[in-house]
Protein backbone atom coordinates (compact mmCIF):
# COMPACT_ATOMS: atom_id res chain seq x y z
CA MET A 1 2.03 19.42 -2.40
CA LYS A 2 2.58 20.48 -6.45
CA CYS A 3 4.81 18.81 -9.05
CA PRO A 4 7.26 21.34 -10.03
CA ASN A 5 7.31 20.00 -13.77
CA CYS A 6 4.02 19.55 -14.70
CA GLY A 7 1.94 21.42 -12.20
CA PHE A 8 -0.46 18.35 -10.61
CA GLU A 9 -1.21 18.77 -7.26
CA GLU A 10 -2.60 16.10 -5.25
CA ALA A 11 -5.90 16.23 -3.24
CA PRO A 12 -4.61 16.47 0.74
CA VAL A 13 -7.32 13.38 1.44
CA TRP A 14 -5.05 11.31 1.76
CA LYS A 15 -3.76 10.21 5.15
CA ASN A 16 0.08 8.22 5.74
CA ARG A 17 -0.41 4.76 8.17
CA MET A 18 1.38 4.82 11.00
CA TRP A 19 3.45 1.63 10.72
CA GLN A 20 3.69 1.39 7.03
CA LEU A 21 6.05 3.08 5.00
CA TYR A 22 4.18 3.54 1.64
CA GLN A 23 0.43 3.06 2.76
CA GLN A 24 -2.01 5.82 2.65
CA TYR A 25 -5.69 5.89 3.72
CA ALA A 26 -8.95 7.63 3.36
CA ARG A 27 -12.43 7.43 4.31
CA ILE A 28 -14.63 6.79 0.89
CA GLU A 29 -16.86 9.63 1.71
CA GLU A 30 -13.87 12.19 1.93
CA LEU A 31 -13.25 11.17 -1.18
CA GLU A 32 -16.09 11.95 -2.75
CA SER A 33 -16.05 14.97 -1.33
CA PHE A 34 -12.83 16.45 -3.25
CA GLU A 35 -13.94 16.84 -6.95
CA ASP A 36 -10.15 15.29 -8.07
CA THR A 37 -10.99 12.28 -6.51
CA LYS A 38 -14.75 11.92 -6.91
CA GLU A 39 -14.56 9.73 -10.12
CA LEU A 40 -12.02 7.26 -8.40
CA ALA A 41 -15.07 7.23 -5.07
CA ALA A 42 -17.73 6.23 -7.73
CA ILE A 43 -15.37 3.54 -8.65
CA LEU A 44 -14.49 1.97 -5.48
CA ARG A 45 -18.13 2.49 -4.60
CA LYS A 46 -18.34 -0.55 -7.23
CA CYS A 47 -16.37 -2.85 -5.60
CA SER A 48 -16.83 -5.22 -2.95
CA PRO A 49 -15.41 -4.37 0.49
CA VAL A 50 -12.34 -6.58 1.72
CA VAL A 51 -13.86 -8.31 5.55
CA LYS A 52 -10.84 -11.11 5.43
CA GLY A 53 -7.20 -10.66 3.96
CA PHE A 54 -5.31 -7.62 4.10
CA ASN A 55 -3.75 -8.79 0.91
CA HIS A 56 -6.33 -8.20 -1.47
CA VAL A 57 -6.40 -5.56 -4.00
CA SER A 58 -10.11 -4.16 -4.74
CA TYR A 59 -8.82 -1.98 -7.84
CA SER A 60 -5.73 -1.03 -9.61
CA ASP A 61 -5.22 1.98 -11.60
CA ASP A 62 -1.33 2.83 -13.65
CA TYR A 63 -0.09 3.45 -10.47
CA TYR A 64 -1.47 2.53 -7.31
CA ASN A 65 -4.00 -0.75 -6.09
CA TYR A 66 -6.24 0.12 -3.76
CA GLN A 67 -7.99 -2.08 -1.24
CA VAL A 68 -11.84 -1.27 -0.28
CA ARG A 69 -12.19 -2.27 3.76
CA ALA A 70 -15.40 -3.22 5.02
CA ASP A 71 -15.00 -0.24 7.70
CA GLY A 72 -14.75 2.70 4.83
CA PHE A 73 -11.57 3.06 4.22
CA VAL A 74 -9.87 3.01 1.43
CA VAL A 75 -5.84 2.15 1.24
CA ARG A 76 -3.39 2.48 -1.36
CA ILE A 77 0.01 1.76 -2.11
CA PRO A 78 1.82 2.60 -5.32
CA GLN A 79 2.34 -0.21 -7.27
CA LYS A 80 6.38 0.36 -7.83
CA PHE A 81 6.56 0.03 -3.83
CA ALA A 82 4.19 -3.09 -3.60
CA GLU A 83 5.73 -6.70 -2.82
CA SER A 84 4.12 -7.81 -5.92
CA PRO A 85 2.29 -6.16 -8.66
CA LEU A 86 -0.93 -7.21 -7.35
CA SER A 87 -0.32 -7.09 -3.39
CA MET A 88 -0.83 -4.67 -1.32
CA ARG A 89 1.96 -5.68 1.23
CA GLU A 90 5.40 -4.07 1.56
CA PRO A 91 8.76 -5.61 1.10
CA HIS A 92 10.62 -6.72 4.48
CA LYS A 93 14.38 -6.87 4.82
CA GLU A 94 13.18 -9.45 7.63
CA LYS A 95 12.24 -12.07 4.71
CA VAL A 96 16.05 -12.54 3.74
CA LYS A 97 17.00 -15.64 4.77
CA ILE A 98 20.41 -15.85 7.12
CA PRO A 99 22.52 -18.99 6.07
CA ARG A 100 22.40 -21.58 9.29
CA VAL A 101 26.36 -21.84 10.29
CA ASN A 102 27.22 -25.33 11.16
CA PRO A 103 28.36 -25.41 14.97
CA LYS A 104 31.40 -27.68 13.69
CA GLN A 105 32.79 -24.66 11.46
CA LYS A 106 31.30 -22.13 14.36
CA ARG A 107 34.01 -23.72 16.53
CA LEU A 108 36.52 -23.71 13.92
CA MET A 109 35.88 -20.46 13.01
CA SER A 110 36.26 -19.01 16.99
CA PHE A 111 39.41 -17.35 17.63
């Protein structure tokens, strides 16, 4: 996809994750094969891979949080869509707490 304003076109290496809205993934070898992402791949190769704790950020730039996994995959999420600035999690609506209703109030409210 090409930006109509500045003409920037991102490498087609990033794929969308099936059950995540904002996360994308790629293999580190694929990042090394594209000219636009070679510099990023060199930086990510120096990061230690994440084995446990999938909320760990390996590298962060001005726009994305990156996570290098032990299986050779790199996952990224835009910082503006992450749960916090140094997080790999997406915000979820399920985390909103619903107030409990007192059983007596419930009986009073029913008609």
